[in-house]
Amino acid sequence: MGKKKQEQARQAAIAQQISRIKLPKGRECFGVVQQRLGGSRMKVICFDEKTRVCRIPGRLKRSLWVREGDIVIVEPWEFGGEEKGDIIYKYRPVQVDWLKKKGYLKKLQEFELF
C-alpha cells in the first residue's frame, strides 16, 4: 500500500469518527478529568458546575483509558448524583476539536484548563 493510499485511509477513518460523535443525552453531561484518584476513580469537573468523584464502570474498565485533562461524558448517579457519577465515554483529540468548532464546549473556556 502506497503512502497516498495510507493517507487517504487515515483521512477516511478520521472523517468517519467525526461523523458519529456521541453527545450527552438526558442526565449526562460533559466533564474534564481533573485528578486521578486510583482504583478506577477520578475527580471530574462537570459542565453543570459540580465536581464529582467518578468511576469507570466494570464493563468499560479494560477498554477506557482516561488521563488528566481528557474530555469525557459523565452520568451522575441516581443516589448521590451531586457528588458521584460514572464515566461512560472519552473523546479523542480530533473529536474535541470538532466539538469546539460546533460550540458544544463553550463552557470549557470558563474553566481555563486548556
PDB file of N, CA and C in Angstrom:
ATOM      1  N   MET A   1       0.843  -1.176   0.000  1.00  0.00           N
ATOM      2  CA  MET A   1       0.000   0.000   0.000  1.00  0.00           C
ATOM      3  C   MET A   1       0.891   1.242   0.000  1.00  0.00           C
ATOM      4  N   GLY A   2       0.667   2.152  -0.938  1.00  0.00           N
ATOM      5  CA  GLY A   2       1.492   3.337  -1.051  1.00  0.00           C
ATOM      6  C   GLY A   2       1.155   4.376   0.014  1.00  0.00           C
ATOM      7  N   LYS A   3       2.009   5.384   0.096  1.00  0.00           N
ATOM      8  CA  LYS A   3       1.809   6.428   1.103  1.00  0.00           C
ATOM      9  C   LYS A   3       0.516   7.195   0.877  1.00  0.00           C
ATOM     10  N   LYS A   4       0.157   7.437  -0.402  1.00  0.00           N
ATOM     11  CA  LYS A   4      -1.073   8.170  -0.699  1.00  0.00           C
ATOM     12  C   LYS A   4      -2.295   7.403  -0.212  1.00  0.00           C
ATOM     13  N   LYS A   5      -2.309   6.100  -0.479  1.00  0.00           N
ATOM     14  CA  LYS A   5      -3.458   5.292  -0.065  1.00  0.00           C
ATOM     15  C   LYS A   5      -3.561   5.216   1.451  1.00  0.00           C
ATOM     16  N   GLN A   6      -2.413   5.124   2.137  1.00  0.00           N
ATOM     17  CA  GLN A   6      -2.429   5.102   3.603  1.00  0.00           C
ATOM     18  C   GLN A   6      -2.994   6.417   4.140  1.00  0.00           C
ATOM     19  N   GLU A   7      -2.560   7.523   3.557  1.00  0.00           N
ATOM     20  CA  GLU A   7      -3.038   8.837   3.990  1.00  0.00           C
ATOM     21  C   GLU A   7      -4.537   8.981   3.735  1.00  0.00           C
ATOM     22  N   GLN A   8      -5.005   8.507   2.578  1.00  0.00           N
ATOM     23  CA  GLN A   8      -6.430   8.569   2.269  1.00  0.00           C
ATOM     24  C   GLN A   8      -7.233   7.705   3.235  1.00  0.00           C
ATOM     25  N   ALA A   9      -6.728   6.537   3.577  1.00  0.00           N
ATOM     26  CA  ALA A   9      -7.415   5.655   4.524  1.00  0.00           C
ATOM     27  C   ALA A   9      -7.494   6.303   5.902  1.00  0.00           C
ATOM     28  N   ARG A  10      -6.397   6.978   6.311  1.00  0.00           N
ATOM     29  CA  ARG A  10      -6.381   7.655   7.606  1.00  0.00           C
ATOM     30  C   ARG A  10      -7.378   8.802   7.626  1.00  0.00           C
ATOM     31  N   GLN A  11      -7.433   9.591   6.531  1.00  0.00           N
ATOM     32  CA  GLN A  11      -8.378  10.705   6.449  1.00  0.00           C
ATOM     33  C   GLN A  11      -9.816  10.195   6.473  1.00  0.00           C
ATOM     34  N   ALA A  12     -10.083   9.080   5.802  1.00  0.00           N
ATOM     35  CA  ALA A  12     -11.430   8.497   5.794  1.00  0.00           C
ATOM     36  C   ALA A  12     -11.816   8.033   7.191  1.00  0.00           C
ATOM     37  N   ALA A  13     -10.858   7.443   7.919  1.00  0.00           N
ATOM     38  CA  ALA A  13     -11.134   6.986   9.281  1.00  0.00           C
ATOM     39  C   ALA A  13     -11.447   8.170  10.187  1.00  0.00           C
ATOM     40  N   ILE A  14     -10.697   9.274  10.030  1.00  0.00           N
ATOM     41  CA  ILE A  14     -10.950  10.472  10.845  1.00  0.00           C
ATOM     42  C   ILE A  14     -12.319  11.043  10.519  1.00  0.00           C
ATOM     43  N   ALA A  15     -12.668  11.124   9.247  1.00  0.00           N
ATOM     44  CA  ALA A  15     -13.970  11.650   8.843  1.00  0.00           C
ATOM     45  C   ALA A  15     -15.098  10.785   9.397  1.00  0.00           C
ATOM     46  N   GLN A  16     -14.884   9.480   9.427  1.00  0.00           N
ATOM     47  CA  GLN A  16     -15.898   8.579   9.955  1.00  0.00           C
ATOM     48  C   GLN A  16     -16.054   8.777  11.461  1.00  0.00           C
ATOM     49  N   GLN A  17     -14.952   8.973  12.176  1.00  0.00           N
ATOM     50  CA  GLN A  17     -15.032   9.212  13.616  1.00  0.00           C
ATOM     51  C   GLN A  17     -15.818  10.476  13.900  1.00  0.00           C
ATOM     52  N   ILE A  18     -15.555  11.527  13.141  1.00  0.00           N
ATOM     53  CA  ILE A  18     -16.189  12.810  13.386  1.00  0.00           C
ATOM     54  C   ILE A  18     -17.675  12.753  13.079  1.00  0.00           C
ATOM     55  N   SER A  19     -18.079  11.985  12.091  1.00  0.00           N
ATOM     56  CA  SER A  19     -19.488  11.954  11.718  1.00  0.00           C
ATOM     57  C   SER A  19     -20.346  11.222  12.743  1.00  0.00           C
ATOM     58  N   ARG A  20     -19.736  10.473  13.640  1.00  0.00           N
ATOM     59  CA  ARG A  20     -20.514   9.693  14.606  1.00  0.00           C
ATOM     60  C   ARG A  20     -20.082   9.994  16.036  1.00  0.00           C
ATOM     61  N   ILE A  21     -20.060  11.245  16.399  1.00  0.00           N
ATOM     62  CA  ILE A  21     -19.642  11.622  17.746  1.00  0.00           C
ATOM     63  C   ILE A  21     -20.817  11.486  18.700  1.00  0.00           C
ATOM     64  N   LYS A  22     -20.554  10.848  19.824  1.00  0.00           N
ATOM     65  CA  LYS A  22     -21.572  10.652  20.855  1.00  0.00           C
ATOM     66  C   LYS A  22     -21.733  11.949  21.639  1.00  0.00           C
ATOM     67  N   LEU A  23     -22.982  12.367  21.838  1.00  0.00           N
ATOM     68  CA  LEU A  23     -23.284  13.570  22.611  1.00  0.00           C
ATOM     69  C   LEU A  23     -24.059  13.187  23.860  1.00  0.00           C
ATOM     70  N   PRO A  24     -23.980  14.000  24.913  1.00  0.00           N
ATOM     71  CA  PRO A  24     -24.707  13.682  26.150  1.00  0.00           C
ATOM     72  C   PRO A  24     -26.222  13.695  25.931  1.00  0.00           C
ATOM     73  N   LYS A  25     -26.905  12.738  26.557  1.00  0.00           N
ATOM     74  CA  LYS A  25     -28.367  12.650  26.478  1.00  0.00           C
ATOM     75  C   LYS A  25     -28.934  12.610  27.893  1.00  0.00           C
ATOM     76  N   GLY A  26     -30.092  13.179  28.084  1.00  0.00           N
ATOM     77  CA  GLY A  26     -30.765  13.104  29.380  1.00  0.00           C
ATOM     78  C   GLY A  26     -29.961  13.748  30.490  1.00  0.00           C
ATOM     79  N   ARG A  27     -29.630  12.970  31.513  1.00  0.00           N
ATOM     80  CA  ARG A  27     -28.905  13.482  32.680  1.00  0.00           C
ATOM     81  C   ARG A  27     -27.403  13.581  32.464  1.00  0.00           C
ATOM     82  N   GLU A  28     -26.888  13.037  31.378  1.00  0.00           N
ATOM     83  CA  GLU A  28     -25.448  13.030  31.121  1.00  0.00           C
ATOM     84  C   GLU A  28     -24.949  14.448  30.853  1.00  0.00           C
ATOM     85  N   CYS A  29     -23.660  14.677  31.130  1.00  0.00           N
ATOM     86  CA  CYS A  29     -23.061  15.987  30.872  1.00  0.00           C
ATOM     87  C   CYS A  29     -21.588  15.822  30.522  1.00  0.00           C
ATOM     88  N   PHE A  30     -21.029  16.868  29.912  1.00  0.00           N
ATOM     89  CA  PHE A  30     -19.603  16.889  29.614  1.00  0.00           C
ATOM     90  C   PHE A  30     -18.828  17.117  30.903  1.00  0.00           C
ATOM     91  N   GLY A  31     -17.573  16.661  30.926  1.00  0.00           N
ATOM     92  CA  GLY A  31     -16.713  16.899  32.073  1.00  0.00           C
ATOM     93  C   GLY A  31     -15.251  16.837  31.658  1.00  0.00           C
ATOM     94  N   VAL A  32     -14.397  17.412  32.520  1.00  0.00           N
ATOM     95  CA  VAL A  32     -12.956  17.392  32.295  1.00  0.00           C
ATOM     96  C   VAL A  32     -12.320  16.691  33.493  1.00  0.00           C
ATOM     97  N   VAL A  33     -11.485  15.682  33.238  1.00  0.00           N
ATOM     98  CA  VAL A  33     -10.827  14.943  34.313  1.00  0.00           C
ATOM     99  C   VAL A  33      -9.794  15.861  34.966  1.00  0.00           C
ATOM    100  N   GLN A  34      -9.952  16.075  36.262  1.00  0.00           N
ATOM    101  CA  GLN A  34      -9.056  16.968  36.990  1.00  0.00           C
ATOM    102  C   GLN A  34      -7.931  16.200  37.659  1.00  0.00           C
ATOM    103  N   GLN A  35      -8.268  15.052  38.286  1.00  0.00           N
ATOM    104  CA  GLN A  35      -7.266  14.321  39.055  1.00  0.00           C
ATOM    105  C   GLN A  35      -7.630  12.845  39.086  1.00  0.00           C
ATOM    106  N   ARG A  36      -6.624  11.991  38.936  1.00  0.00           N
ATOM    107  CA  ARG A  36      -6.832  10.547  39.067  1.00  0.00           C
ATOM    108  C   ARG A  36      -6.617  10.173  40.520  1.00  0.00           C
ATOM    109  N   LEU A  37      -7.556   9.416  41.070  1.00  0.00           N
ATOM    110  CA  LEU A  37      -7.512   9.078  42.493  1.00  0.00           C
ATOM    111  C   LEU A  37      -7.096   7.638  42.747  1.00  0.00           C
ATOM    112  N   GLY A  38      -7.097   6.806  41.739  1.00  0.00           N
ATOM    113  CA  GLY A  38      -6.735   5.402  41.913  1.00  0.00           C
ATOM    114  C   GLY A  38      -7.970   4.534  42.032  1.00  0.00           C
ATOM    115  N   GLY A  39      -7.822   3.265  41.737  1.00  0.00           N
ATOM    116  CA  GLY A  39      -8.953   2.345  41.833  1.00  0.00           C
ATOM    117  C   GLY A  39     -10.040   2.662  40.828  1.00  0.00           C
ATOM    118  N   SER A  40      -9.675   3.084  39.623  1.00  0.00           N
ATOM    119  CA  SER A  40     -10.570   3.470  38.532  1.00  0.00           C
ATOM    120  C   SER A  40     -11.498   4.626  38.919  1.00  0.00           C
ATOM    121  N   ARG A  41     -11.060   5.448  39.846  1.00  0.00           N
ATOM    122  CA  ARG A  41     -11.828   6.633  40.240  1.00  0.00           C
ATOM    123  C   ARG A  41     -11.035   7.886  39.904  1.00  0.00           C
ATOM    124  N   MET A  42     -11.753   8.951  39.593  1.00  0.00           N
ATOM    125  CA  MET A  42     -11.115  10.228  39.308  1.00  0.00           C
ATOM    126  C   MET A  42     -12.042  11.385  39.628  1.00  0.00           C
ATOM    127  N   LYS A  43     -11.438  12.527  39.898  1.00  0.00           N
ATOM    128  CA  LYS A  43     -12.186  13.745  40.174  1.00  0.00           C
ATOM    129  C   LYS A  43     -12.427  14.441  38.849  1.00  0.00           C
ATOM    130  N   VAL A  44     -13.710  14.759  38.557  1.00  0.00           N
ATOM    131  CA  VAL A  44     -14.099  15.347  37.275  1.00  0.00           C
ATOM    132  C   VAL A  44     -14.850  16.644  37.525  1.00  0.00           C
ATOM    133  N   ILE A  45     -14.461  17.699  36.800  1.00  0.00           N
ATOM    134  CA  ILE A  45     -15.209  18.957  36.834  1.00  0.00           C
ATOM    135  C   ILE A  45     -16.241  18.876  35.722  1.00  0.00           C
ATOM    136  N   CYS A  46     -17.522  18.862  36.090  1.00  0.00           N
ATOM    137  CA  CYS A  46     -18.593  18.734  35.113  1.00  0.00           C
ATOM    138  C   CYS A  46     -19.040  20.111  34.636  1.00  0.00           C
ATOM    139  N   PHE A  47     -19.654  20.154  33.453  1.00  0.00           N
ATOM    140  CA  PHE A  47     -20.086  21.424  32.880  1.00  0.00           C
ATOM    141  C   PHE A  47     -21.364  21.941  33.541  1.00  0.00           C
ATOM    142  N   ASP A  48     -21.969  21.171  34.444  1.00  0.00           N
ATOM    143  CA  ASP A  48     -23.103  21.687  35.213  1.00  0.00           C
ATOM    144  C   ASP A  48     -22.629  22.309  36.532  1.00  0.00           C
ATOM    145  N   GLU A  49     -21.345  22.707  36.558  1.00  0.00           N
ATOM    146  CA  GLU A  49     -20.711  23.442  37.662  1.00  0.00           C
ATOM    147  C   GLU A  49     -20.640  22.642  38.963  1.00  0.00           C
ATOM    148  N   LYS A  50     -20.451  21.337  38.839  1.00  0.00           N
ATOM    149  CA  LYS A  50     -20.273  20.477  40.004  1.00  0.00           C
ATOM    150  C   LYS A  50     -18.997  19.668  39.811  1.00  0.00           C
ATOM    151  N   THR A  51     -18.329  19.366  40.926  1.00  0.00           N
ATOM    152  CA  THR A  51     -17.162  18.488  40.900  1.00  0.00           C
ATOM    153  C   THR A  51     -17.585  17.145  41.459  1.00  0.00           C
ATOM    154  N   ARG A  52     -17.378  16.094  40.679  1.00  0.00           N
ATOM    155  CA  ARG A  52     -17.815  14.764  41.085  1.00  0.00           C
ATOM    156  C   ARG A  52     -16.629  13.813  41.138  1.00  0.00           C
ATOM    157  N   VAL A  53     -16.712  12.839  42.047  1.00  0.00           N
ATOM    158  CA  VAL A  53     -15.781  11.719  42.051  1.00  0.00           C
ATOM    159  C   VAL A  53     -16.446  10.647  41.192  1.00  0.00           C
ATOM    160  N   CYS A  54     -15.851  10.377  40.033  1.00  0.00           N
ATOM    161  CA  CYS A  54     -16.441   9.459  39.068  1.00  0.00           C
ATOM    162  C   CYS A  54     -15.597   8.198  38.954  1.00  0.00           C
ATOM    163  N   ARG A  55     -16.247   7.131  38.572  1.00  0.00           N
ATOM    164  CA  ARG A  55     -15.547   5.868  38.382  1.00  0.00           C
ATOM    165  C   ARG A  55     -15.814   5.371  36.974  1.00  0.00           C
ATOM    166  N   ILE A  56     -14.959   4.466  36.539  1.00  0.00           N
ATOM    167  CA  ILE A  56     -15.162   3.801  35.258  1.00  0.00           C
ATOM    168  C   ILE A  56     -15.875   2.485  35.559  1.00  0.00           C
ATOM    169  N   PRO A  57     -17.080   2.265  35.016  1.00  0.00           N
ATOM    170  CA  PRO A  57     -17.803   1.022  35.295  1.00  0.00           C
ATOM    171  C   PRO A  57     -17.025  -0.208  34.842  1.00  0.00           C
ATOM    172  N   GLY A  58     -17.309  -1.343  35.444  1.00  0.00           N
ATOM    173  CA  GLY A  58     -16.581  -2.575  35.166  1.00  0.00           C
ATOM    174  C   GLY A  58     -16.604  -2.988  33.716  1.00  0.00           C
ATOM    175  N   ARG A  59     -17.708  -2.734  33.011  1.00  0.00           N
ATOM    176  CA  ARG A  59     -17.799  -3.150  31.605  1.00  0.00           C
ATOM    177  C   ARG A  59     -16.870  -2.342  30.710  1.00  0.00           C
ATOM    178  N   LEU A  60     -16.441  -1.155  31.160  1.00  0.00           N
ATOM    179  CA  LEU A  60     -15.554  -0.306  30.361  1.00  0.00           C
ATOM    180  C   LEU A  60     -14.129  -0.253  30.897  1.00  0.00           C
ATOM    181  N   LYS A  61     -13.873  -0.900  32.024  1.00  0.00           N
ATOM    182  CA  LYS A  61     -12.595  -0.755  32.724  1.00  0.00           C
ATOM    183  C   LYS A  61     -11.390  -1.113  31.851  1.00  0.00           C
ATOM    184  N   ARG A  62     -11.496  -2.156  31.067  1.00  0.00           N
ATOM    185  CA  ARG A  62     -10.365  -2.596  30.243  1.00  0.00           C
ATOM    186  C   ARG A  62     -10.207  -1.760  28.972  1.00  0.00           C
ATOM    187  N   SER A  63     -11.292  -1.206  28.459  1.00  0.00           N
ATOM    188  CA  SER A  63     -11.238  -0.541  27.159  1.00  0.00           C
ATOM    189  C   SER A  63     -11.138   0.976  27.231  1.00  0.00           C
ATOM    190  N   LEU A  64     -11.379   1.577  28.402  1.00  0.00           N
ATOM    191  CA  LEU A  64     -11.397   3.032  28.517  1.00  0.00           C
ATOM    192  C   LEU A  64     -10.216   3.505  29.355  1.00  0.00           C
ATOM    193  N   TRP A  65      -9.238   4.142  28.707  1.00  0.00           N
ATOM    194  CA  TRP A  65      -8.053   4.646  29.385  1.00  0.00           C
ATOM    195  C   TRP A  65      -8.168   6.159  29.462  1.00  0.00           C
ATOM    196  N   VAL A  66      -8.290   6.674  30.686  1.00  0.00           N
ATOM    197  CA  VAL A  66      -8.549   8.095  30.887  1.00  0.00           C
ATOM    198  C   VAL A  66      -7.382   8.725  31.639  1.00  0.00           C
ATOM    199  N   ARG A  67      -6.979   9.919  31.203  1.00  0.00           N
ATOM    200  CA  ARG A  67      -5.904  10.672  31.855  1.00  0.00           C
ATOM    201  C   ARG A  67      -6.407  12.055  32.235  1.00  0.00           C
ATOM    202  N   GLU A  68      -5.611  12.772  33.031  1.00  0.00           N
ATOM    203  CA  GLU A  68      -5.974  14.127  33.433  1.00  0.00           C
ATOM    204  C   GLU A  68      -6.066  15.020  32.207  1.00  0.00           C
ATOM    205  N   GLY A  69      -7.084  15.865  32.178  1.00  0.00           N
ATOM    206  CA  GLY A  69      -7.283  16.792  31.071  1.00  0.00           C
ATOM    207  C   GLY A  69      -8.154  16.251  29.960  1.00  0.00           C
ATOM    208  N   ASP A  70      -8.563  14.980  30.010  1.00  0.00           N
ATOM    209  CA  ASP A  70      -9.412  14.406  28.968  1.00  0.00           C
ATOM    210  C   ASP A  70     -10.846  14.912  29.109  1.00  0.00           C
ATOM    211  N   ILE A  71     -11.518  15.085  27.975  1.00  0.00           N
ATOM    212  CA  ILE A  71     -12.932  15.450  27.946  1.00  0.00           C
ATOM    213  C   ILE A  71     -13.735  14.151  27.934  1.00  0.00           C
ATOM    214  N   VAL A  72     -14.705  14.042  28.845  1.00  0.00           N
ATOM    215  CA  VAL A  72     -15.476  12.809  28.992  1.00  0.00           C
ATOM    216  C   VAL A  72     -16.965  13.136  29.112  1.00  0.00           C
ATOM    217  N   ILE A  73     -17.789  12.098  28.982  1.00  0.00           N
ATOM    218  CA  ILE A  73     -19.211  12.203  29.295  1.00  0.00           C
ATOM    219  C   ILE A  73     -19.417  11.538  30.641  1.00  0.00           C
ATOM    220  N   VAL A  74     -20.076  12.264  31.549  1.00  0.00           N
ATOM    221  CA  VAL A  74     -20.329  11.774  32.901  1.00  0.00           C
ATOM    222  C   VAL A  74     -21.825  11.552  33.075  1.00  0.00           C
ATOM    223  N   GLU A  75     -22.177  10.409  33.660  1.00  0.00           N
ATOM    224  CA  GLU A  75     -23.564  10.136  34.012  1.00  0.00           C
ATOM    225  C   GLU A  75     -23.671  10.153  35.536  1.00  0.00           C
ATOM    226  N   PRO A  76     -24.325  11.176  36.114  1.00  0.00           N
ATOM    227  CA  PRO A  76     -24.451  11.241  37.582  1.00  0.00           C
ATOM    228  C   PRO A  76     -25.262  10.055  38.112  1.00  0.00           C
ATOM    229  N   TRP A  77     -24.919   9.636  39.317  1.00  0.00           N
ATOM    230  CA  TRP A  77     -25.671   8.555  39.949  1.00  0.00           C
ATOM    231  C   TRP A  77     -27.048   9.051  40.363  1.00  0.00           C
ATOM    232  N   GLU A  78     -28.013   8.118  40.450  1.00  0.00           N
ATOM    233  CA  GLU A  78     -29.346   8.499  40.916  1.00  0.00           C
ATOM    234  C   GLU A  78     -29.305   8.870  42.393  1.00  0.00           C
ATOM    235  N   PHE A  79     -28.527   8.112  43.170  1.00  0.00           N
ATOM    236  CA  PHE A  79     -28.350   8.432  44.585  1.00  0.00           C
ATOM    237  C   PHE A  79     -26.956   9.021  44.738  1.00  0.00           C
ATOM    238  N   GLY A  80     -26.863  10.197  45.288  1.00  0.00           N
ATOM    239  CA  GLY A  80     -25.565  10.842  45.428  1.00  0.00           C
ATOM    240  C   GLY A  80     -25.079  11.440  44.125  1.00  0.00           C
ATOM    241  N   GLY A  81     -25.990  11.818  43.232  1.00  0.00           N
ATOM    242  CA  GLY A  81     -25.638  12.338  41.919  1.00  0.00           C
ATOM    243  C   GLY A  81     -24.949  13.683  41.954  1.00  0.00           C
ATOM    244  N   GLU A  82     -25.063  14.392  43.081  1.00  0.00           N
ATOM    245  CA  GLU A  82     -24.406  15.692  43.192  1.00  0.00           C
ATOM    246  C   GLU A  82     -22.898  15.539  43.343  1.00  0.00           C
ATOM    247  N   GLU A  83     -22.461  14.413  43.887  1.00  0.00           N
ATOM    248  CA  GLU A  83     -21.033  14.249  44.162  1.00  0.00           C
ATOM    249  C   GLU A  83     -20.413  13.009  43.539  1.00  0.00           C
ATOM    250  N   LYS A  84     -21.212  12.120  42.922  1.00  0.00           N
ATOM    251  CA  LYS A  84     -20.675  10.891  42.334  1.00  0.00           C
ATOM    252  C   LYS A  84     -21.281  10.644  40.966  1.00  0.00           C
ATOM    253  N   GLY A  85     -20.529   9.898  40.139  1.00  0.00           N
ATOM    254  CA  GLY A  85     -21.018   9.583  38.809  1.00  0.00           C
ATOM    255  C   GLY A  85     -20.158   8.539  38.132  1.00  0.00           C
ATOM    256  N   ASP A  86     -20.541   8.180  36.903  1.00  0.00           N
ATOM    257  CA  ASP A  86     -19.817   7.207  36.092  1.00  0.00           C
ATOM    258  C   ASP A  86     -19.305   7.890  34.830  1.00  0.00           C
ATOM    259  N   ILE A  87     -18.098   7.533  34.420  1.00  0.00           N
ATOM    260  CA  ILE A  87     -17.557   7.997  33.142  1.00  0.00           C
ATOM    261  C   ILE A  87     -17.967   6.973  32.095  1.00  0.00           C
ATOM    262  N   ILE A  88     -18.712   7.415  31.093  1.00  0.00           N
ATOM    263  CA  ILE A  88     -19.215   6.452  30.123  1.00  0.00           C
ATOM    264  C   ILE A  88     -18.590   6.603  28.740  1.00  0.00           C
ATOM    265  N   TYR A  89     -17.869   7.728  28.489  1.00  0.00           N
ATOM    266  CA  TYR A  89     -17.252   7.908  27.170  1.00  0.00           C
ATOM    267  C   TYR A  89     -16.115   8.908  27.274  1.00  0.00           C
ATOM    268  N   LYS A  90     -15.054   8.672  26.502  1.00  0.00           N
ATOM    269  CA  LYS A  90     -13.920   9.594  26.433  1.00  0.00           C
ATOM    270  C   LYS A  90     -13.747  10.046  24.993  1.00  0.00           C
ATOM    271  N   TYR A  91     -13.565  11.350  24.805  1.00  0.00           N
ATOM    272  CA  TYR A  91     -13.390  11.903  23.467  1.00  0.00           C
ATOM    273  C   TYR A  91     -11.929  11.874  23.048  1.00  0.00           C
ATOM    274  N   ARG A  92     -11.692  11.613  21.776  1.00  0.00           N
ATOM    275  CA  ARG A  92     -10.358  11.678  21.196  1.00  0.00           C
ATOM    276  C   ARG A  92     -10.060  13.125  20.808  1.00  0.00           C
ATOM    277  N   PRO A  93      -8.775  13.471  20.615  1.00  0.00           N
ATOM    278  CA  PRO A  93      -8.434  14.870  20.299  1.00  0.00           C
ATOM    279  C   PRO A  93      -9.133  15.424  19.055  1.00  0.00           C
ATOM    280  N   VAL A  94      -9.300  14.616  18.018  1.00  0.00           N
ATOM    281  CA  VAL A  94      -9.980  15.076  16.802  1.00  0.00           C
ATOM    282  C   VAL A  94     -11.436  15.392  17.111  1.00  0.00           C
ATOM    283  N   GLN A  95     -12.052  14.564  17.941  1.00  0.00           N
ATOM    284  CA  GLN A  95     -13.446  14.783  18.313  1.00  0.00           C
ATOM    285  C   GLN A  95     -13.593  16.038  19.166  1.00  0.00           C
ATOM    286  N   VAL A  96     -12.612  16.309  20.052  1.00  0.00           N
ATOM    287  CA  VAL A  96     -12.651  17.513  20.882  1.00  0.00           C
ATOM    288  C   VAL A  96     -12.580  18.752  20.001  1.00  0.00           C
ATOM    289  N   ASP A  97     -11.720  18.727  18.986  1.00  0.00           N
ATOM    290  CA  ASP A  97     -11.624  19.858  18.055  1.00  0.00           C
ATOM    291  C   ASP A  97     -12.958  20.097  17.353  1.00  0.00           C
ATOM    292  N   TRP A  98     -13.615  19.025  16.921  1.00  0.00           N
ATOM    293  CA  TRP A  98     -14.906  19.135  16.243  1.00  0.00           C
ATOM    294  C   TRP A  98     -15.956  19.723  17.194  1.00  0.00           C
ATOM    295  N   LEU A  99     -15.977  19.256  18.441  1.00  0.00           N
ATOM    296  CA  LEU A  99     -16.932  19.769  19.421  1.00  0.00           C
ATOM    297  C   LEU A  99     -16.705  21.253  19.692  1.00  0.00           C
ATOM    298  N   LYS A 100     -15.432  21.673  19.742  1.00  0.00           N
ATOM    299  CA  LYS A 100     -15.122  23.092  19.943  1.00  0.00           C
ATOM    300  C   LYS A 100     -15.617  23.925  18.768  1.00  0.00           C
ATOM    301  N   LYS A 101     -15.403  23.421  17.543  1.00  0.00           N
ATOM    302  CA  LYS A 101     -15.847  24.150  16.348  1.00  0.00           C
ATOM    303  C   LYS A 101     -17.361  24.303  16.311  1.00  0.00           C
ATOM    304  N   LYS A 102     -18.071  23.263  16.740  1.00  0.00           N
ATOM    305  CA  LYS A 102     -19.532  23.283  16.693  1.00  0.00           C
ATOM    306  C   LYS A 102     -20.156  24.011  17.890  1.00  0.00           C
ATOM    307  N   GLY A 103     -19.345  24.376  18.896  1.00  0.00           N
ATOM    308  CA  GLY A 103     -19.845  25.172  20.007  1.00  0.00           C
ATOM    309  C   GLY A 103     -20.370  24.383  21.196  1.00  0.00           C
ATOM    310  N   TYR A 104     -20.123  23.095  21.237  1.00  0.00           N
ATOM    311  CA  TYR A 104     -20.591  22.287  22.366  1.00  0.00           C
ATOM    312  C   TYR A 104     -19.750  22.519  23.623  1.00  0.00           C
ATOM    313  N   LEU A 105     -18.510  22.952  23.455  1.00  0.00           N
ATOM    314  CA  LEU A 105     -17.600  23.098  24.591  1.00  0.00           C
ATOM    315  C   LEU A 105     -17.336  24.567  24.925  1.00  0.00           C
ATOM    316  N   LYS A 106     -18.368  25.410  24.871  1.00  0.00           N
ATOM    317  CA  LYS A 106     -18.192  26.835  25.179  1.00  0.00           C
ATOM    318  C   LYS A 106     -17.810  27.055  26.640  1.00  0.00           C
ATOM    319  N   LYS A 107     -18.318  26.217  27.532  1.00  0.00           N
ATOM    320  CA  LYS A 107     -18.003  26.370  28.950  1.00  0.00           C
ATOM    321  C   LYS A 107     -16.565  25.986  29.280  1.00  0.00           C
ATOM    322  N   LEU A 108     -15.892  25.353  28.332  1.00  0.00           N
ATOM    323  CA  LEU A 108     -14.501  24.922  28.569  1.00  0.00           C
ATOM    324  C   LEU A 108     -13.597  26.117  28.809  1.00  0.00           C
ATOM    325  N   GLN A 109     -13.862  27.251  28.172  1.00  0.00           N
ATOM    326  CA  GLN A 109     -13.041  28.442  28.386  1.00  0.00           C
ATOM    327  C   GLN A 109     -13.248  29.011  29.781  1.00  0.00           C
ATOM    328  N   GLU A 110     -14.429  28.801  30.378  1.00  0.00           N
ATOM    329  CA  GLU A 110     -14.675  29.278  31.736  1.00  0.00           C
ATOM    330  C   GLU A 110     -13.779  28.566  32.735  1.00  0.00           C
ATOM    331  N   PHE A 111     -13.508  27.293  32.502  1.00  0.00           N
ATOM    332  CA  PHE A 111     -12.677  26.535  33.420  1.00  0.00           C
ATOM    333  C   PHE A 111     -11.197  26.892  33.252  1.00  0.00           C
ATOM    334  N   GLU A 112     -10.818  27.410  32.091  1.00  0.00           N
ATOM    335  CA  GLU A 112      -9.450  27.830  31.786  1.00  0.00           C
ATOM    336  C   GLU A 112      -8.442  26.693  32.030  1.00  0.00           C
ATOM    337  N   LEU A 113      -8.833  25.493  31.634  1.00  0.00           N
ATOM    338  CA  LEU A 113      -7.931  24.345  31.812  1.00  0.00           C
ATOM    339  C   LEU A 113      -7.015  24.175  30.615  1.00  0.00           C
ATOM    340  N   PHE A 114      -7.418  24.681  29.454  1.00  0.00           N
ATOM    341  CA  PHE A 114      -6.633  24.455  28.242  1.00  0.00           C
ATOM    342  C   PHE A 114      -6.080  25.749  27.731  1.00  0.00           C
TER     343      PHE A 114
END
